[in-house]
PDB file of N, CA and C in Angstrom:
ATOM      1  N   MET A   1     -42.693 -19.673 -37.102  1.00  0.00           N
ATOM      2  CA  MET A   1     -42.110 -18.457 -37.100  1.00  0.00           C
ATOM      3  C   MET A   1     -40.911 -18.401 -38.027  1.00  0.00           C
ATOM      4  N   SER A   2     -40.368 -17.563 -38.803  1.00  0.00           N
ATOM      5  CA  SER A   2     -39.266 -17.466 -39.497  1.00  0.00           C
ATOM      6  C   SER A   2     -38.395 -16.691 -38.891  1.00  0.00           C
ATOM      7  N   VAL A   3     -37.189 -16.441 -39.168  1.00  0.00           N
ATOM      8  CA  VAL A   3     -36.248 -15.584 -38.433  1.00  0.00           C
ATOM      9  C   VAL A   3     -36.118 -14.025 -38.736  1.00  0.00           C
ATOM     10  N   THR A   4     -35.978 -13.074 -37.653  1.00  0.00           N
ATOM     11  CA  THR A   4     -36.194 -11.805 -37.826  1.00  0.00           C
ATOM     12  C   THR A   4     -34.665 -11.274 -37.677  1.00  0.00           C
ATOM     13  N   MET A   5     -34.012 -10.474 -38.542  1.00  0.00           N
ATOM     14  CA  MET A   5     -32.738 -10.032 -38.420  1.00  0.00           C
ATOM     15  C   MET A   5     -32.806  -8.402 -38.100  1.00  0.00           C
ATOM     16  N   THR A   6     -32.043  -8.091 -37.289  1.00  0.00           N
ATOM     17  CA  THR A   6     -31.737  -6.777 -36.905  1.00  0.00           C
ATOM     18  C   THR A   6     -30.320  -6.415 -36.838  1.00  0.00           C
ATOM     19  N   THR A   7     -30.001  -5.229 -37.674  1.00  0.00           N
ATOM     20  CA  THR A   7     -28.476  -4.928 -37.513  1.00  0.00           C
ATOM     21  C   THR A   7     -28.160  -3.637 -36.596  1.00  0.00           C
ATOM     22  N   ARG A   8     -27.009  -3.557 -36.132  1.00  0.00           N
ATOM     23  CA  ARG A   8     -26.730  -2.499 -35.429  1.00  0.00           C
ATOM     24  C   ARG A   8     -25.235  -2.348 -35.588  1.00  0.00           C
ATOM     25  N   GLN A   9     -24.713  -1.273 -35.405  1.00  0.00           N
ATOM     26  CA  GLN A   9     -23.361  -0.791 -35.504  1.00  0.00           C
ATOM     27  C   GLN A   9     -22.753  -0.828 -34.073  1.00  0.00           C
ATOM     28  N   VAL A  10     -21.610  -1.163 -33.879  1.00  0.00           N
ATOM     29  CA  VAL A  10     -20.900  -1.079 -32.654  1.00  0.00           C
ATOM     30  C   VAL A  10     -19.454  -0.775 -33.173  1.00  0.00           C
ATOM     31  N   GLY A  11     -19.136   0.527 -33.108  1.00  0.00           N
ATOM     32  CA  GLY A  11     -17.889   0.871 -33.655  1.00  0.00           C
ATOM     33  C   GLY A  11     -17.820   0.665 -35.265  1.00  0.00           C
ATOM     34  N   ASP A  12     -16.807  -0.098 -35.718  1.00  0.00           N
ATOM     35  CA  ASP A  12     -16.741  -0.520 -37.199  1.00  0.00           C
ATOM     36  C   ASP A  12     -17.084  -2.047 -37.398  1.00  0.00           C
ATOM     37  N   VAL A  13     -17.748  -2.516 -36.287  1.00  0.00           N
ATOM     38  CA  VAL A  13     -18.273  -3.781 -36.584  1.00  0.00           C
ATOM     39  C   VAL A  13     -19.938  -3.853 -36.549  1.00  0.00           C
ATOM     40  N   THR A  14     -20.460  -4.605 -37.489  1.00  0.00           N
ATOM     41  CA  THR A  14     -21.655  -4.649 -37.824  1.00  0.00           C
ATOM     42  C   THR A  14     -22.169  -5.997 -36.951  1.00  0.00           C
ATOM     43  N   VAL A  15     -23.241  -5.826 -36.083  1.00  0.00           N
ATOM     44  CA  VAL A  15     -23.793  -6.682 -35.218  1.00  0.00           C
ATOM     45  C   VAL A  15     -25.164  -7.205 -35.786  1.00  0.00           C
ATOM     46  N   ILE A  16     -25.312  -8.641 -36.363  1.00  0.00           N
ATOM     47  CA  ILE A  16     -26.737  -8.870 -36.928  1.00  0.00           C
ATOM     48  C   ILE A  16     -27.183  -9.771 -35.621  1.00  0.00           C
ATOM     49  N   ASP A  17     -28.477  -9.309 -35.050  1.00  0.00           N
ATOM     50  CA  ASP A  17     -29.135  -9.949 -34.098  1.00  0.00           C
ATOM     51  C   ASP A  17     -30.211 -11.034 -34.730  1.00  0.00           C
ATOM     52  N   ALA A  18     -30.147 -11.992 -34.724  1.00  0.00           N
ATOM     53  CA  ALA A  18     -31.024 -12.949 -35.484  1.00  0.00           C
ATOM     54  C   ALA A  18     -31.838 -13.690 -34.325  1.00  0.00           C
ATOM     55  N   ALA A  19     -33.065 -13.810 -34.567  1.00  0.00           N
ATOM     56  CA  ALA A  19     -34.119 -14.278 -33.658  1.00  0.00           C
ATOM     57  C   ALA A  19     -35.136 -15.216 -34.398  1.00  0.00           C
ATOM     58  N   GLY A  20     -35.411 -16.451 -33.827  1.00  0.00           N
ATOM     59  CA  GLY A  20     -36.309 -17.451 -34.573  1.00  0.00           C
ATOM     60  C   GLY A  20     -35.616 -18.487 -35.058  1.00  0.00           C
ATOM     61  N   ARG A  21     -36.374 -19.044 -36.324  1.00  0.00           N
ATOM     62  CA  ARG A  21     -35.740 -20.007 -36.945  1.00  0.00           C
ATOM     63  C   ARG A  21     -35.116 -19.841 -38.309  1.00  0.00           C
ATOM     64  N   ILE A  22     -33.998 -20.490 -38.731  1.00  0.00           N
ATOM     65  CA  ILE A  22     -33.217 -20.264 -39.742  1.00  0.00           C
ATOM     66  C   ILE A  22     -33.485 -21.578 -40.712  1.00  0.00           C
ATOM     67  N   THR A  23     -34.664 -21.635 -41.481  1.00  0.00           N
ATOM     68  CA  THR A  23     -34.867 -22.656 -42.170  1.00  0.00           C
ATOM     69  C   THR A  23     -34.891 -22.463 -43.725  1.00  0.00           C
ATOM     70  N   LEU A  24     -35.465 -23.551 -44.522  1.00  0.00           N
ATOM     71  CA  LEU A  24     -35.598 -23.438 -45.878  1.00  0.00           C
ATOM     72  C   LEU A  24     -36.478 -22.421 -46.137  1.00  0.00           C
ATOM     73  N   GLY A  25     -36.420 -21.500 -47.144  1.00  0.00           N
ATOM     74  CA  GLY A  25     -37.297 -20.336 -47.363  1.00  0.00           C
ATOM     75  C   GLY A  25     -37.102 -19.257 -46.807  1.00  0.00           C
ATOM     76  N   GLU A  26     -38.225 -18.597 -46.225  1.00  0.00           N
ATOM     77  CA  GLU A  26     -38.186 -17.235 -45.925  1.00  0.00           C
ATOM     78  C   GLU A  26     -36.936 -16.989 -44.863  1.00  0.00           C
ATOM     79  N   GLY A  27     -36.658 -17.799 -43.987  1.00  0.00           N
ATOM     80  CA  GLY A  27     -35.645 -17.530 -42.833  1.00  0.00           C
ATOM     81  C   GLY A  27     -34.158 -17.424 -43.623  1.00  0.00           C
ATOM     82  N   SER A  28     -33.906 -18.581 -44.492  1.00  0.00           N
ATOM     83  CA  SER A  28     -32.531 -18.369 -45.189  1.00  0.00           C
ATOM     84  C   SER A  28     -32.479 -17.332 -45.988  1.00  0.00           C
ATOM     85  N   SER A  29     -33.604 -16.888 -46.781  1.00  0.00           N
ATOM     86  CA  SER A  29     -33.265 -15.756 -47.946  1.00  0.00           C
ATOM     87  C   SER A  29     -33.221 -14.559 -47.070  1.00  0.00           C
ATOM     88  N   ALA A  30     -33.897 -14.322 -46.025  1.00  0.00           N
ATOM     89  CA  ALA A  30     -33.905 -12.962 -45.096  1.00  0.00           C
ATOM     90  C   ALA A  30     -32.467 -12.865 -44.639  1.00  0.00           C
ATOM     91  N   PHE A  31     -31.645 -14.060 -44.154  1.00  0.00           N
ATOM     92  CA  PHE A  31     -30.461 -14.054 -43.828  1.00  0.00           C
ATOM     93  C   PHE A  31     -29.411 -13.658 -45.044  1.00  0.00           C
ATOM     94  N   ARG A  32     -29.779 -14.261 -46.189  1.00  0.00           N
ATOM     95  CA  ARG A  32     -28.922 -14.077 -47.392  1.00  0.00           C
ATOM     96  C   ARG A  32     -29.059 -12.585 -47.665  1.00  0.00           C
ATOM     97  N   ASP A  33     -30.056 -12.094 -47.812  1.00  0.00           N
ATOM     98  CA  ASP A  33     -30.441 -10.602 -48.232  1.00  0.00           C
ATOM     99  C   ASP A  33     -29.777  -9.527 -47.352  1.00  0.00           C
ATOM    100  N   THR A  34     -29.856  -9.815 -46.094  1.00  0.00           N
ATOM    101  CA  THR A  34     -28.974  -9.126 -44.957  1.00  0.00           C
ATOM    102  C   THR A  34     -27.452  -9.159 -45.188  1.00  0.00           C
ATOM    103  N   ILE A  35     -26.966 -10.185 -45.309  1.00  0.00           N
ATOM    104  CA  ILE A  35     -25.513 -10.343 -45.677  1.00  0.00           C
ATOM    105  C   ILE A  35     -24.956  -9.568 -46.930  1.00  0.00           C
ATOM    106  N   LYS A  36     -25.848  -9.829 -48.006  1.00  0.00           N
ATOM    107  CA  LYS A  36     -25.528  -9.132 -49.344  1.00  0.00           C
ATOM    108  C   LYS A  36     -25.600  -7.548 -49.141  1.00  0.00           C
ATOM    109  N   ASP A  37     -26.775  -7.013 -48.418  1.00  0.00           N
ATOM    110  CA  ASP A  37     -26.743  -5.662 -48.352  1.00  0.00           C
ATOM    111  C   ASP A  37     -25.592  -5.121 -47.453  1.00  0.00           C
ATOM    112  N   LEU A  38     -25.166  -5.710 -46.427  1.00  0.00           N
ATOM    113  CA  LEU A  38     -24.022  -5.340 -45.609  1.00  0.00           C
ATOM    114  C   LEU A  38     -22.808  -5.216 -46.504  1.00  0.00           C
ATOM    115  N   VAL A  39     -22.664  -6.381 -47.408  1.00  0.00           N
ATOM    116  CA  VAL A  39     -21.278  -6.385 -48.046  1.00  0.00           C
ATOM    117  C   VAL A  39     -21.392  -5.432 -49.349  1.00  0.00           C
ATOM    118  N   THR A  40     -22.371  -5.080 -49.761  1.00  0.00           N
ATOM    119  CA  THR A  40     -22.763  -4.082 -50.817  1.00  0.00           C
ATOM    120  C   THR A  40     -22.277  -2.589 -50.387  1.00  0.00           C
ATOM    121  N   LYS A  41     -22.702  -2.478 -48.915  1.00  0.00           N
ATOM    122  CA  LYS A  41     -22.519  -1.020 -48.402  1.00  0.00           C
ATOM    123  C   LYS A  41     -20.938  -0.888 -47.969  1.00  0.00           C
ATOM    124  N   GLY A  42     -20.344  -2.085 -47.893  1.00  0.00           N
ATOM    125  CA  GLY A  42     -18.928  -2.160 -47.767  1.00  0.00           C
ATOM    126  C   GLY A  42     -18.564  -2.508 -46.282  1.00  0.00           C
ATOM    127  N   ASP A  43     -19.709  -3.061 -45.498  1.00  0.00           N
ATOM    128  CA  ASP A  43     -19.380  -3.674 -43.989  1.00  0.00           C
ATOM    129  C   ASP A  43     -18.541  -4.929 -44.175  1.00  0.00           C
ATOM    130  N   LYS A  44     -17.311  -4.758 -43.500  1.00  0.00           N
ATOM    131  CA  LYS A  44     -16.325  -6.043 -43.687  1.00  0.00           C
ATOM    132  C   LYS A  44     -16.340  -6.893 -42.409  1.00  0.00           C
ATOM    133  N   LYS A  45     -16.806  -6.074 -41.370  1.00  0.00           N
ATOM    134  CA  LYS A  45     -16.467  -6.882 -40.012  1.00  0.00           C
ATOM    135  C   LYS A  45     -18.043  -7.199 -39.584  1.00  0.00           C
ATOM    136  N   VAL A  46     -18.470  -8.604 -39.526  1.00  0.00           N
ATOM    137  CA  VAL A  46     -19.806  -8.877 -39.292  1.00  0.00           C
ATOM    138  C   VAL A  46     -19.663  -9.868 -38.154  1.00  0.00           C
ATOM    139  N   LEU A  47     -20.604  -9.467 -37.048  1.00  0.00           N
ATOM    140  CA  LEU A  47     -20.727 -10.316 -36.019  1.00  0.00           C
ATOM    141  C   LEU A  47     -22.000 -10.868 -35.872  1.00  0.00           C
ATOM    142  N   LEU A  48     -22.349 -12.157 -36.262  1.00  0.00           N
ATOM    143  CA  LEU A  48     -23.753 -12.814 -36.285  1.00  0.00           C
ATOM    144  C   LEU A  48     -23.950 -13.311 -34.706  1.00  0.00           C
ATOM    145  N   ASN A  49     -25.022 -12.617 -34.108  1.00  0.00           N
ATOM    146  CA  ASN A  49     -25.594 -13.194 -32.709  1.00  0.00           C
ATOM    147  C   ASN A  49     -26.639 -14.095 -32.881  1.00  0.00           C
ATOM    148  N   LEU A  50     -26.421 -15.242 -32.901  1.00  0.00           N
ATOM    149  CA  LEU A  50     -27.429 -16.492 -32.863  1.00  0.00           C
ATOM    150  C   LEU A  50     -28.156 -16.672 -31.593  1.00  0.00           C
ATOM    151  N   SER A  51     -28.078 -16.169 -30.365  1.00  0.00           N
ATOM    152  CA  SER A  51     -28.356 -16.375 -29.239  1.00  0.00           C
ATOM    153  C   SER A  51     -29.924 -16.567 -29.115  1.00  0.00           C
ATOM    154  N   GLU A  52     -30.647 -16.029 -30.085  1.00  0.00           N
ATOM    155  CA  GLU A  52     -32.076 -16.100 -29.910  1.00  0.00           C
ATOM    156  C   GLU A  52     -32.813 -16.944 -31.056  1.00  0.00           C
ATOM    157  N   VAL A  53     -31.809 -17.706 -31.848  1.00  0.00           N
ATOM    158  CA  VAL A  53     -32.198 -18.633 -32.697  1.00  0.00           C
ATOM    159  C   VAL A  53     -32.408 -19.965 -32.188  1.00  0.00           C
ATOM    160  N   SER A  54     -33.775 -20.200 -32.205  1.00  0.00           N
ATOM    161  CA  SER A  54     -34.154 -21.520 -31.691  1.00  0.00           C
ATOM    162  C   SER A  54     -33.777 -22.748 -32.270  1.00  0.00           C
ATOM    163  N   TYR A  55     -33.790 -22.799 -33.765  1.00  0.00           N
ATOM    164  CA  TYR A  55     -33.594 -23.894 -34.613  1.00  0.00           C
ATOM    165  C   TYR A  55     -32.970 -23.561 -36.020  1.00  0.00           C
ATOM    166  N   ILE A  56     -32.141 -24.330 -36.466  1.00  0.00           N
ATOM    167  CA  ILE A  56     -31.486 -24.229 -37.793  1.00  0.00           C
ATOM    168  C   ILE A  56     -31.513 -25.370 -38.391  1.00  0.00           C
ATOM    169  N   ASP A  57     -31.946 -25.469 -39.690  1.00  0.00           N
ATOM    170  CA  ASP A  57     -32.000 -26.626 -40.456  1.00  0.00           C
ATOM    171  C   ASP A  57     -30.710 -26.543 -41.602  1.00  0.00           C
ATOM    172  N   SER A  58     -30.626 -27.685 -42.358  1.00  0.00           N
ATOM    173  CA  SER A  58     -29.416 -27.733 -43.207  1.00  0.00           C
ATOM    174  C   SER A  58     -29.263 -26.714 -44.113  1.00  0.00           C
ATOM    175  N   SER A  59     -30.460 -26.132 -44.607  1.00  0.00           N
ATOM    176  CA  SER A  59     -30.491 -25.094 -45.431  1.00  0.00           C
ATOM    177  C   SER A  59     -30.079 -23.788 -44.885  1.00  0.00           C
ATOM    178  N   GLY A  60     -30.300 -23.701 -43.520  1.00  0.00           N
ATOM    179  CA  GLY A  60     -29.986 -22.514 -42.700  1.00  0.00           C
ATOM    180  C   GLY A  60     -28.139 -22.704 -42.398  1.00  0.00           C
ATOM    181  N   ILE A  61     -27.703 -23.862 -42.088  1.00  0.00           N
ATOM    182  CA  ILE A  61     -26.439 -23.915 -42.362  1.00  0.00           C
ATOM    183  C   ILE A  61     -25.708 -23.658 -43.341  1.00  0.00           C
ATOM    184  N   GLY A  62     -26.364 -23.996 -44.694  1.00  0.00           N
ATOM    185  CA  GLY A  62     -25.952 -23.575 -46.003  1.00  0.00           C
ATOM    186  C   GLY A  62     -25.881 -22.167 -46.090  1.00  0.00           C
ATOM    187  N   GLU A  63     -26.847 -21.316 -45.637  1.00  0.00           N
ATOM    188  CA  GLU A  63     -26.593 -20.108 -45.756  1.00  0.00           C
ATOM    189  C   GLU A  63     -25.597 -19.335 -44.847  1.00  0.00           C
ATOM    190  N   LEU A  64     -25.536 -20.055 -43.725  1.00  0.00           N
ATOM    191  CA  LEU A  64     -24.228 -19.602 -42.885  1.00  0.00           C
ATOM    192  C   LEU A  64     -22.916 -19.453 -43.560  1.00  0.00           C
ATOM    193  N   VAL A  65     -22.803 -20.795 -44.178  1.00  0.00           N
ATOM    194  CA  VAL A  65     -21.463 -20.872 -44.889  1.00  0.00           C
ATOM    195  C   VAL A  65     -21.478 -20.060 -46.255  1.00  0.00           C
ATOM    196  N   SER A  66     -22.521 -19.824 -46.770  1.00  0.00           N
ATOM    197  CA  SER A  66     -22.718 -18.870 -48.004  1.00  0.00           C
ATOM    198  C   SER A  66     -22.596 -17.586 -47.427  1.00  0.00           C
ATOM    199  N   GLY A  67     -23.092 -16.917 -46.456  1.00  0.00           N
ATOM    200  CA  GLY A  67     -22.739 -15.692 -45.797  1.00  0.00           C
ATOM    201  C   GLY A  67     -21.332 -15.606 -45.590  1.00  0.00           C
ATOM    202  N   TYR A  68     -20.635 -16.578 -45.005  1.00  0.00           N
ATOM    203  CA  TYR A  68     -19.173 -16.636 -44.474  1.00  0.00           C
ATOM    204  C   TYR A  68     -18.367 -16.247 -45.777  1.00  0.00           C
ATOM    205  N   THR A  69     -18.692 -17.076 -46.879  1.00  0.00           N
ATOM    206  CA  THR A  69     -17.948 -17.077 -48.177  1.00  0.00           C
ATOM    207  C   THR A  69     -18.130 -15.539 -48.737  1.00  0.00           C
ATOM    208  N   THR A  70     -19.522 -14.946 -48.970  1.00  0.00           N
ATOM    209  CA  THR A  70     -19.688 -13.673 -49.521  1.00  0.00           C
ATOM    210  C   THR A  70     -18.807 -12.714 -48.625  1.00  0.00           C
ATOM    211  N   VAL A  71     -18.790 -12.888 -47.253  1.00  0.00           N
ATOM    212  CA  VAL A  71     -18.058 -11.784 -46.586  1.00  0.00           C
ATOM    213  C   VAL A  71     -16.713 -11.995 -46.994  1.00  0.00           C
ATOM    214  N   SER A  72     -16.056 -13.052 -46.717  1.00  0.00           N
ATOM    215  CA  SER A  72     -14.654 -13.315 -46.915  1.00  0.00           C
ATOM    216  C   SER A  72     -14.308 -12.913 -48.375  1.00  0.00           C
ATOM    217  N   ASN A  73     -15.003 -13.350 -49.382  1.00  0.00           N
ATOM    218  CA  ASN A  73     -14.658 -12.936 -50.666  1.00  0.00           C
ATOM    219  C   ASN A  73     -14.568 -11.422 -50.879  1.00  0.00           C
ATOM    220  N   ALA A  74     -15.364 -10.622 -50.046  1.00  0.00           N
ATOM    221  CA  ALA A  74     -15.368  -9.169 -50.184  1.00  0.00           C
ATOM    222  C   ALA A  74     -14.226  -8.830 -49.361  1.00  0.00           C
ATOM    223  N   GLY A  75     -13.109  -9.556 -48.613  1.00  0.00           N
ATOM    224  CA  GLY A  75     -12.060  -9.106 -47.847  1.00  0.00           C
ATOM    225  C   GLY A  75     -12.540  -9.044 -46.531  1.00  0.00           C
ATOM    226  N   GLY A  76     -13.804  -9.410 -46.003  1.00  0.00           N
ATOM    227  CA  GLY A  76     -14.085  -9.172 -44.669  1.00  0.00           C
ATOM    228  C   GLY A  76     -14.001 -10.541 -43.716  1.00  0.00           C
ATOM    229  N   LYS A  77     -14.751 -10.518 -42.634  1.00  0.00           N
ATOM    230  CA  LYS A  77     -14.742 -11.501 -41.828  1.00  0.00           C
ATOM    231  C   LYS A  77     -16.230 -11.605 -41.049  1.00  0.00           C
ATOM    232  N   LEU A  78     -16.785 -12.865 -40.886  1.00  0.00           N
ATOM    233  CA  LEU A  78     -17.874 -13.285 -40.409  1.00  0.00           C
ATOM    234  C   LEU A  78     -17.785 -14.050 -39.417  1.00  0.00           C
ATOM    235  N   LYS A  79     -18.138 -13.600 -38.025  1.00  0.00           N
ATOM    236  CA  LYS A  79     -17.899 -14.379 -36.874  1.00  0.00           C
ATOM    237  C   LYS A  79     -19.285 -14.537 -36.126  1.00  0.00           C
ATOM    238  N   LEU A  80     -19.310 -15.772 -35.399  1.00  0.00           N
ATOM    239  CA  LEU A  80     -20.519 -16.051 -34.747  1.00  0.00           C
ATOM    240  C   LEU A  80     -20.423 -15.896 -33.283  1.00  0.00           C
ATOM    241  N   LEU A  81     -21.802 -15.420 -32.760  1.00  0.00           N
ATOM    242  CA  LEU A  81     -21.724 -15.006 -31.434  1.00  0.00           C
ATOM    243  C   LEU A  81     -23.008 -15.815 -30.576  1.00  0.00           C
ATOM    244  N   GLY A  82     -22.776 -16.327 -29.370  1.00  0.00           N
ATOM    245  CA  GLY A  82     -23.909 -16.765 -28.546  1.00  0.00           C
ATOM    246  C   GLY A  82     -24.649 -18.024 -29.178  1.00  0.00           C
ATOM    247  N   LEU A  83     -24.012 -19.013 -29.473  1.00  0.00           N
ATOM    248  CA  LEU A  83     -24.595 -20.216 -29.981  1.00  0.00           C
ATOM    249  C   LEU A  83     -25.425 -20.874 -28.973  1.00  0.00           C
ATOM    250  N   THR A  84     -26.653 -21.318 -29.214  1.00  0.00           N
ATOM    251  CA  THR A  84     -27.302 -22.090 -28.487  1.00  0.00           C
ATOM    252  C   THR A  84     -26.946 -23.684 -28.458  1.00  0.00           C
ATOM    253  N   LYS A  85     -27.076 -24.492 -27.534  1.00  0.00           N
ATOM    254  CA  LYS A  85     -26.582 -25.762 -27.685  1.00  0.00           C
ATOM    255  C   LYS A  85     -26.707 -26.552 -28.811  1.00  0.00           C
ATOM    256  N   ARG A  86     -28.114 -26.415 -29.460  1.00  0.00           N
ATOM    257  CA  ARG A  86     -28.306 -27.055 -30.479  1.00  0.00           C
ATOM    258  C   ARG A  86     -27.779 -26.617 -31.606  1.00  0.00           C
ATOM    259  N   VAL A  87     -27.519 -25.285 -31.903  1.00  0.00           N
ATOM    260  CA  VAL A  87     -26.809 -24.883 -33.057  1.00  0.00           C
ATOM    261  C   VAL A  87     -25.350 -25.145 -32.853  1.00  0.00           C
ATOM    262  N   GLN A  88     -24.793 -25.308 -31.695  1.00  0.00           N
ATOM    263  CA  GLN A  88     -23.228 -25.522 -31.299  1.00  0.00           C
ATOM    264  C   GLN A  88     -23.200 -27.015 -31.728  1.00  0.00           C
ATOM    265  N   ASP A  89     -24.066 -27.993 -31.276  1.00  0.00           N
ATOM    266  CA  ASP A  89     -23.957 -29.427 -31.513  1.00  0.00           C
ATOM    267  C   ASP A  89     -23.992 -29.570 -33.130  1.00  0.00           C
ATOM    268  N   LEU A  90     -24.890 -28.805 -33.895  1.00  0.00           N
ATOM    269  CA  LEU A  90     -24.948 -28.793 -35.349  1.00  0.00           C
ATOM    270  C   LEU A  90     -23.657 -28.499 -35.877  1.00  0.00           C
ATOM    271  N   LEU A  91     -23.035 -27.392 -35.609  1.00  0.00           N
ATOM    272  CA  LEU A  91     -21.815 -26.876 -36.113  1.00  0.00           C
ATOM    273  C   LEU A  91     -20.605 -28.130 -36.051  1.00  0.00           C
ATOM    274  N   GLN A  92     -20.724 -28.603 -34.631  1.00  0.00           N
ATOM    275  CA  GLN A  92     -19.707 -29.616 -34.518  1.00  0.00           C
ATOM    276  C   GLN A  92     -19.774 -30.862 -35.402  1.00  0.00           C
ATOM    277  N   ILE A  93     -21.210 -31.301 -35.339  1.00  0.00           N
ATOM    278  CA  ILE A  93     -21.607 -32.500 -36.250  1.00  0.00           C
ATOM    279  C   ILE A  93     -21.027 -32.338 -37.628  1.00  0.00           C
ATOM    280  N   THR A  94     -21.349 -31.075 -38.415  1.00  0.00           N
ATOM    281  CA  THR A  94     -20.931 -30.720 -39.618  1.00  0.00           C
ATOM    282  C   THR A  94     -19.564 -30.314 -39.833  1.00  0.00           C
ATOM    283  N   LYS A  95     -18.646 -30.317 -38.750  1.00  0.00           N
ATOM    284  CA  LYS A  95     -17.350 -29.939 -38.675  1.00  0.00           C
ATOM    285  C   LYS A  95     -17.241 -28.460 -39.148  1.00  0.00           C
ATOM    286  N   LEU A  96     -18.348 -27.747 -39.000  1.00  0.00           N
ATOM    287  CA  LEU A  96     -18.078 -26.227 -39.374  1.00  0.00           C
ATOM    288  C   LEU A  96     -17.565 -25.369 -38.220  1.00  0.00           C
ATOM    289  N   TYR A  97     -17.590 -26.183 -36.970  1.00  0.00           N
ATOM    290  CA  TYR A  97     -17.177 -25.408 -35.753  1.00  0.00           C
ATOM    291  C   TYR A  97     -15.796 -24.935 -36.183  1.00  0.00           C
ATOM    292  N   THR A  98     -15.045 -25.635 -36.947  1.00  0.00           N
ATOM    293  CA  THR A  98     -13.476 -25.207 -37.319  1.00  0.00           C
ATOM    294  C   THR A  98     -13.470 -24.139 -38.181  1.00  0.00           C
ATOM    295  N   VAL A  99     -14.414 -23.768 -39.130  1.00  0.00           N
ATOM    296  CA  VAL A  99     -14.488 -22.941 -39.973  1.00  0.00           C
ATOM    297  C   VAL A  99     -14.709 -21.384 -39.365  1.00  0.00           C
ATOM    298  N   PHE A 100     -15.803 -21.409 -38.322  1.00  0.00           N
ATOM    299  CA  PHE A 100     -16.169 -20.195 -37.751  1.00  0.00           C
ATOM    300  C   PHE A 100     -15.406 -19.872 -36.686  1.00  0.00           C
ATOM    301  N   GLU A 101     -15.281 -18.421 -36.379  1.00  0.00           N
ATOM    302  CA  GLU A 101     -14.898 -18.073 -35.177  1.00  0.00           C
ATOM    303  C   GLU A 101     -15.956 -17.818 -34.237  1.00  0.00           C
ATOM    304  N   VAL A 102     -16.103 -18.665 -33.095  1.00  0.00           N
ATOM    305  CA  VAL A 102     -17.210 -18.427 -32.079  1.00  0.00           C
ATOM    306  C   VAL A 102     -16.920 -17.883 -30.823  1.00  0.00           C
ATOM    307  N   PHE A 103     -17.935 -16.791 -30.423  1.00  0.00           N
ATOM    308  CA  PHE A 103     -17.620 -16.369 -29.293  1.00  0.00           C
ATOM    309  C   PHE A 103     -18.770 -16.434 -28.371  1.00  0.00           C
ATOM    310  N   ASP A 104     -18.766 -16.553 -27.066  1.00  0.00           N
ATOM    311  CA  ASP A 104     -19.574 -16.569 -26.011  1.00  0.00           C
ATOM    312  C   ASP A 104     -20.327 -15.110 -25.720  1.00  0.00           C
ATOM    313  N   ASP A 105     -19.300 -14.380 -25.533  1.00  0.00           N
ATOM    314  CA  ASP A 105     -19.873 -12.863 -25.269  1.00  0.00           C
ATOM    315  C   ASP A 105     -19.514 -11.785 -26.188  1.00  0.00           C
ATOM    316  N   GLU A 106     -20.521 -11.078 -26.462  1.00  0.00           N
ATOM    317  CA  GLU A 106     -20.216  -9.925 -27.490  1.00  0.00           C
ATOM    318  C   GLU A 106     -18.951  -9.119 -27.335  1.00  0.00           C
ATOM    319  N   ALA A 107     -18.720  -8.727 -26.128  1.00  0.00           N
ATOM    320  CA  ALA A 107     -17.348  -7.968 -25.975  1.00  0.00           C
ATOM    321  C   ALA A 107     -16.321  -8.812 -26.568  1.00  0.00           C
ATOM    322  N   ALA A 108     -16.199 -10.023 -26.265  1.00  0.00           N
ATOM    323  CA  ALA A 108     -14.804 -10.804 -26.729  1.00  0.00           C
ATOM    324  C   ALA A 108     -14.987 -10.718 -28.313  1.00  0.00           C
ATOM    325  N   GLY A 109     -16.194 -11.099 -28.959  1.00  0.00           N
ATOM    326  CA  GLY A 109     -16.450 -11.033 -30.369  1.00  0.00           C
ATOM    327  C   GLY A 109     -16.119  -9.717 -31.106  1.00  0.00           C
ATOM    328  N   LEU A 110     -16.554  -8.587 -30.223  1.00  0.00           N
ATOM    329  CA  LEU A 110     -16.182  -7.460 -31.035  1.00  0.00           C
ATOM    330  C   LEU A 110     -14.691  -6.911 -30.985  1.00  0.00           C
ATOM    331  N   ALA A 111     -13.911  -7.500 -29.773  1.00  0.00           N
ATOM    332  CA  ALA A 111     -12.489  -7.242 -29.579  1.00  0.00           C
ATOM    333  C   ALA A 111     -11.667  -8.046 -30.614  1.00  0.00           C
ATOM    334  N   SER A 112     -12.173  -9.147 -31.136  1.00  0.00           N
ATOM    335  CA  SER A 112     -11.513  -9.970 -31.987  1.00  0.00           C
ATOM    336  C   SER A 112     -11.322  -9.334 -33.236  1.00  0.00           C
ATOM    337  N   PHE A 113     -12.052  -8.191 -33.706  1.00  0.00           N
ATOM    338  CA  PHE A 113     -11.866  -7.588 -34.873  1.00  0.00           C
ATOM    339  C   PHE A 113     -10.753  -6.570 -34.982  1.00  0.00           C
ATOM    340  N   SER A 114     -10.408  -6.167 -33.892  1.00  0.00           N
ATOM    341  CA  SER A 114      -9.257  -5.331 -33.713  1.00  0.00           C
ATOM    342  C   SER A 114      -7.936  -5.571 -33.897  1.00  0.00           C
TER     343      SER A 114
END
């Protein structure tokens, strides 16, 4: 199963709820397209909820970095929410834990944008 992405607005923050696996191919392109669409629409505050992501491979990690760069270059912020233990470990191994702002609960993530 690849990833499914649903977006919702909470105030001026766009929350992307991802579920499934972010892997090479379909999963990573769905992620890339979602981020591009948001930036094109002018959404600059993006909170990516990964609590339902069961697996992420190296290309998925690459897409996270790419999404972060795309949003940052547009003058926005991309932050992560609800990392599973596996994804958290992966971000620590790759030293990306220091790049992303990571939150355990949605309220704290949303509040960080104000």
